[in-house]
Every structure is written in structure tokens, then in C-alpha cells.
Protein backbone atom coordinates (compact mmCIF):
# COMPACT_ATOMS: atom_id res chain seq x y z
CA MET A 1 0.00 0.00 0.00
CA LYS A 2 1.41 3.39 -1.00
CA ILE A 3 1.41 6.24 1.48
CA VAL A 4 1.26 9.99 0.92
CA LEU A 5 1.84 12.85 3.34
CA ILE A 6 -0.19 16.00 2.66
CA THR A 7 0.31 19.32 4.45
CA GLY A 8 -2.52 21.80 4.64
CA ALA A 9 -4.97 18.92 4.45
CA THR A 10 -7.94 20.55 6.17
CA SER A 11 -8.86 23.02 3.45
CA GLY A 12 -8.77 23.79 -0.25
CA ILE A 13 -6.35 21.94 -2.48
CA GLY A 14 -4.87 19.92 0.39
CA GLU A 15 -8.27 18.59 1.40
CA ALA A 16 -9.12 17.73 -2.22
CA CYS A 17 -5.80 15.89 -2.47
CA ALA A 18 -6.65 13.83 0.61
CA LYS A 19 -9.90 12.70 -0.96
CA ILE A 20 -8.42 11.90 -4.37
CA PHE A 21 -5.42 10.02 -3.00
CA SER A 22 -7.74 8.05 -0.73
CA ASN A 23 -9.88 7.10 -3.73
CA LYS A 24 -6.73 5.92 -5.48
CA GLY A 25 -5.93 3.58 -2.58
CA TYR A 26 -3.18 5.50 -0.81
CA ASP A 27 -2.81 5.44 2.95
CA LEU A 28 -2.76 9.02 4.19
CA ILE A 29 -0.72 11.12 6.61
CA LEU A 30 -2.57 14.42 6.96
CA LEU A 31 -1.16 17.55 8.60
CA GLY A 32 -3.17 20.65 9.40
CA ARG A 33 -3.80 23.28 12.05
CA ASN A 34 -7.32 22.31 13.05
CA GLN A 35 -7.69 19.01 14.91
CA GLU A 36 -11.48 19.09 14.66
CA LYS A 37 -11.35 19.43 10.86
CA LEU A 38 -8.75 16.67 10.69
CA SER A 39 -11.04 14.38 12.68
CA VAL A 40 -13.98 15.13 10.39
CA LEU A 41 -11.85 14.43 7.33
CA ARG A 42 -10.56 11.18 8.79
CA ASN A 43 -14.13 10.03 9.39
CA GLN A 44 -15.03 10.84 5.78
CA LEU A 45 -12.16 8.82 4.31
CA LYS A 46 -13.04 5.21 5.00
CA LYS A 47 -11.34 3.51 2.07
CA THR A 48 -7.79 3.57 3.41
CA SER A 49 -5.81 4.14 6.60
CA VAL A 50 -5.69 7.78 7.69
CA HIS A 51 -3.23 9.24 10.23
CA THR A 52 -3.72 12.87 11.29
CA TYR A 53 -1.43 15.33 13.04
CA SER A 54 -2.47 18.76 14.25
CA VAL A 55 0.44 21.16 13.93
CA ASP A 56 1.02 24.91 13.80
CA PHE A 57 3.53 25.56 11.05
CA LEU A 58 4.38 28.93 12.59
CA ASN A 59 5.91 26.95 15.47
CA LEU A 60 9.09 25.38 14.08
CA GLU A 61 9.92 23.45 17.24
CA GLU A 62 6.49 21.82 17.28
CA THR A 63 6.68 21.13 13.55
CA GLU A 64 10.08 19.45 13.81
CA LYS A 65 8.87 17.18 16.62
CA VAL A 66 5.84 16.08 14.58
CA LEU A 67 7.95 15.42 11.48
CA GLU A 68 10.52 13.46 13.48
CA LYS A 69 7.76 11.28 14.92
CA ILE A 70 6.32 10.68 11.45
CA ALA A 71 9.78 9.83 10.09
CA LYS A 72 10.19 7.24 12.83
CA ASP A 73 6.70 5.75 12.56
CA PHE A 74 6.54 5.48 8.76
CA PRO A 75 9.82 4.12 7.35
CA THR A 76 8.60 4.49 3.77
CA ILE A 77 6.67 7.44 2.38
CA ASP A 78 5.92 7.35 -1.32
CA SER A 79 4.76 10.90 -1.93
CA LEU A 80 4.94 14.25 -0.18
CA VAL A 81 2.49 17.00 -1.14
CA ASN A 82 3.52 20.40 0.20
CA SER A 83 0.15 22.15 -0.04
CA ALA A 84 0.03 24.22 3.16
CA GLY A 85 0.17 27.95 2.59
CA ILE A 86 -0.98 31.29 3.90
CA CYS A 87 -1.69 34.51 2.05
CA GLN A 88 -1.76 38.22 2.87
CA LYS A 89 -2.94 41.26 0.90
CA ASN A 90 -0.90 44.20 2.20
CA LEU A 91 0.70 46.77 -0.06
CA LEU A 92 4.49 46.93 0.06
CA GLU A 93 4.66 49.88 2.46
CA ASN A 94 2.35 48.12 4.92
CA ILE A 95 4.11 44.74 5.08
CA SER A 96 5.72 44.24 8.47
CA ILE A 97 8.82 42.13 9.01
CA LYS A 98 6.70 39.71 11.05
CA GLU A 99 4.24 39.28 8.19
CA TRP A 100 7.12 38.78 5.77
CA ASN A 101 8.78 36.18 8.00
CA ASP A 102 5.54 34.35 8.81
CA ILE A 103 4.53 33.89 5.19
CA TYR A 104 8.03 32.74 4.24
CA GLN A 105 8.03 30.26 7.12
CA VAL A 106 4.78 28.58 6.12
CA ASN A 107 5.11 28.83 2.33
CA VAL A 108 8.84 28.10 1.88
CA THR A 109 10.53 26.95 5.09
CA ILE A 110 7.93 24.26 5.83
CA PRO A 111 8.25 22.59 2.39
CA PHE A 112 12.03 22.66 2.85
CA LEU A 113 11.74 21.20 6.36
CA THR A 114 9.27 18.45 5.48
CA THR A 115 11.48 17.40 2.58
CA GLN A 116 14.61 17.41 4.73
CA LYS A 117 13.08 15.50 7.65
CA LEU A 118 11.41 12.86 5.45
CA LEU A 119 14.19 12.44 2.92
CA SER A 120 15.22 8.95 4.04
CA ASN A 121 11.59 7.82 4.08
CA LEU A 122 11.10 9.01 0.49
CA GLU A 123 14.33 7.30 -0.59
CA ASN A 124 12.89 4.01 0.65
CA SER A 125 10.08 4.22 -1.91
CA SER A 126 10.37 2.72 -5.38
CA ASN A 127 8.68 5.85 -6.75
CA GLY A 128 9.47 8.64 -4.30
CA SER A 129 7.96 11.94 -5.34
CA ILE A 130 7.48 15.44 -3.98
CA ILE A 131 4.90 17.86 -5.31
CA ASN A 132 5.17 21.48 -4.22
CA VAL A 133 2.09 23.65 -4.67
CA SER A 134 3.29 27.01 -5.97
CA SER A 135 0.99 29.48 -7.73
CA ILE A 136 0.39 31.44 -10.90
CA ALA A 137 1.69 34.32 -8.74
CA GLY A 138 5.11 32.64 -8.70
CA ARG A 139 5.12 32.60 -12.49
CA LEU A 140 4.18 36.25 -12.90
CA ARG A 141 2.62 38.19 -10.00
CA SER A 142 -0.48 38.14 -7.83
CA ILE A 143 -3.49 40.19 -8.87
CA SER A 144 -4.88 40.35 -5.34
CA LEU A 145 -2.17 39.51 -2.79
CA GLY A 146 1.05 41.09 -1.57
CA ALA A 147 4.66 41.05 -2.75
CA HIS A 148 5.57 38.71 0.10
CA TYR A 149 3.10 36.06 -1.14
CA THR A 150 4.32 36.32 -4.74
CA SER A 151 7.94 36.08 -3.58
CA THR A 152 7.30 32.88 -1.62
CA LYS A 153 5.66 31.18 -4.56
CA ALA A 154 8.54 32.10 -6.86
CA ALA A 155 10.95 30.78 -4.23
CA LEU A 156 9.07 27.48 -4.18
CA ILE A 157 9.61 27.10 -7.92
CA GLY A 158 13.34 27.65 -7.40
CA LEU A 159 13.40 25.12 -4.57
CA THR A 160 11.61 22.60 -6.77
CA ARG A 161 14.07 22.92 -9.63
CA HIS A 162 17.09 22.69 -7.37
CA LEU A 163 15.82 19.65 -5.47
CA ALA A 164 14.85 17.91 -8.71
CA ALA A 165 18.51 18.02 -9.72
CA GLU A 166 19.83 17.13 -6.27
CA LEU A 167 17.40 14.36 -5.38
CA GLY A 168 16.75 12.86 -8.81
CA PRO A 169 19.90 10.68 -8.63
CA ARG A 170 18.59 9.42 -5.27
CA GLY A 171 15.37 8.19 -6.83
CA ILE A 172 13.11 11.06 -5.76
CA ARG A 173 11.25 13.13 -8.33
CA VAL A 174 10.42 16.73 -7.43
CA ASN A 175 7.80 18.69 -9.36
CA ALA A 176 5.53 21.66 -8.73
CA THR A 177 2.11 22.83 -9.79
CA CYS A 178 1.19 26.45 -10.34
CA PRO A 179 -2.54 26.79 -9.74
CA SER A 180 -4.35 29.88 -10.87
CA GLN A 181 -7.14 31.33 -8.76
CA THR A 182 -8.96 28.31 -7.34
CA LYS A 183 -12.30 28.15 -5.55
CA THR A 184 -11.09 27.70 -1.99
CA PRO A 185 -11.62 29.48 1.34
CA MET A 186 -8.29 31.21 0.78
CA LEU A 187 -9.56 32.75 -2.47
CA ASP A 188 -12.81 33.83 -0.83
CA GLU A 189 -10.72 35.68 1.74
CA ALA A 190 -8.47 37.29 -0.85
CA LEU A 191 -11.01 38.07 -3.58
CA GLY A 192 -14.74 38.73 -3.17
CA ILE A 193 -17.37 36.76 -5.09
CA ASP A 194 -18.08 39.62 -7.52
CA LYS A 195 -14.40 39.93 -8.40
CA GLN A 196 -14.13 36.16 -8.79
CA GLU A 197 -16.99 36.19 -11.29
CA GLU A 198 -15.36 39.07 -13.16
CA LEU A 199 -12.05 37.24 -13.24
CA ALA A 200 -13.67 34.09 -14.62
CA THR A 201 -14.94 35.95 -17.69
CA GLY A 202 -11.34 36.62 -18.72
CA ILE A 203 -10.22 33.01 -18.45
CA HIS A 204 -10.28 30.99 -21.67
CA LEU A 205 -12.31 28.24 -20.03
CA ARG A 206 -14.66 30.85 -18.54
CA ARG A 207 -14.49 29.48 -15.01
CA LEU A 208 -12.21 29.39 -12.01
CA ALA A 209 -10.48 26.15 -11.12
CA THR A 210 -11.88 23.86 -8.46
CA ALA A 211 -9.72 22.31 -5.78
CA GLU A 212 -10.40 18.95 -7.45
CA ASP A 213 -8.98 20.27 -10.75
CA GLN A 214 -5.73 20.99 -8.96
CA ALA A 215 -5.67 17.78 -6.90
CA LYS A 216 -6.06 15.56 -9.96
CA VAL A 217 -2.89 16.99 -11.49
CA ILE A 218 -1.02 16.57 -8.21
CA ALA A 219 -2.13 12.93 -7.96
CA PHE A 220 -0.92 12.34 -11.52
CA LEU A 221 2.51 13.79 -10.71
CA ALA A 222 2.75 11.41 -7.76
CA SER A 223 1.87 8.39 -9.88
CA GLU A 224 4.10 6.06 -11.87
CA ASP A 225 2.47 7.46 -15.03
CA ALA A 226 4.56 10.58 -14.37
CA GLY A 227 7.66 8.51 -13.65
CA TYR A 228 9.88 10.49 -16.03
CA MET A 229 8.69 13.92 -14.91
CA ASN A 230 11.23 15.66 -12.71
CA GLY A 231 11.75 19.38 -12.21
CA ALA A 232 8.52 20.15 -14.08
CA ILE A 233 6.59 23.30 -13.22
CA VAL A 234 3.04 22.48 -14.31
CA ASP A 235 0.66 25.37 -14.98
CA VAL A 236 -2.92 24.52 -14.04
CA ASN A 237 -4.57 27.81 -14.89
CA GLY A 238 -7.17 27.46 -17.61
CA GLY A 239 -4.82 29.10 -20.12
CA GLN A 240 -4.14 32.36 -18.30
CA LEU A 241 -0.43 32.42 -19.15
């Protein structure tokens, strides 16, 4: 039985990934901030084994302890999906150093740390893979969020490309997806419904992505069907770029 670890599993793309990987027969390790939401999700996913861990990614000490426990308890992990992320809307002159550091910690440091702490576990897989969830913002810019968010998503693309070269010889593929604006709670917070509808009219497919649209691509990248994809930055944006 293959096993996947998903961060940010209680909402949006991470939650959709949990459901799709479960349907594909993976055992799940789910990380998120909200224990109640994790429990609800675990009860929904009856097809495979589900292990949940409540963790605050703004607390590095707590995060490291959780990852070290997971590394010990699960000798082999087949796929790692770094989906957790936070966003903020401030203009440049209003971004505090704390906001800058917090968004970098969750959006960049945590993917680095999960990869580092679980490296041996991924090496034990016959098809070890890492999928980092970047953003269309990392390809160009954000239309609704701040410079600090855009910078983190560009950094995640750089991390993906570097690790693809470094870890490929060790049998671990590293790829990234770049979702465009996707119908999630995060988007509702960043962009009102009226602006979402306006945005959709300018997309070639005339709709925003769903979390399931994004999760299906992530599940493909984790699969053996994508066994020769490494260092790929996959745009899932309805043709916006």
C-alpha cells in the first residue's frame, strides 16, 4: 500500500488531495492546524488508513517534533504534497517584518523542512515523489495579494528545480504545480465573489479552477504514469499564461 503525506490537508487543495489520493488507494498522513477538521476528514475517508497530526507551522519546534515522529513511525513514504500555505494582501509599504517572515516560514521553510526531515523515508520508496504547490503568482505576479506572497511562490519554484537536480539521482522526483485562482476558502478571503466572477470571464475556459482540478494533477505527478517527470513546473490555470 502506497502512502502519501499532505500538508494543509484541512482546506482547499490539500483537502481535495486527501480525498483523491484516498480514492486511489493510498494510505494518508494528513497535517493541518485544526484538529477538529482533521477528525472530520478522517471520518469521511473510510477507504484507506488515515493518520492525522495537528500542527502549527508557525511553530518550528512543534513542527520538527511532529515530522521526526512521522519519520520514525513510517519508514517508507511514497509521496509528499507540500500544499500548506498562507496569504496576505498588504501593499508593500504596509508589510511588516513579522508578516514577511511568517509567510516565508509557512510557504517556503515548511516545504524545505518536510522534505529534509522525510528524505530517508522518500528514498525508501520505489517511486518517491514530492509535489510542491506554488501558484500562478510565482510565475508572474499576484493580482490580489502582496509582494511577500508572490515572492514565496517564486521561491518554491526555485526550490523545486534545485531539489529535482539534487534528489533525482537518489530516486526522488520533485515537481511543482502552479494553480491559478482556485475556488477555496483562501480565495474567498483574498477576492470577493463579484471579483471572482469578473475574473472568470477573462479566463479561456470561462471558469475558475476547483480544488479537485488541482488535486487531480497533483495525484498524476505522484503516480508512476509521471515517472519520467522531474523538475517540471506544471501550470494549471485554464490558459491564463
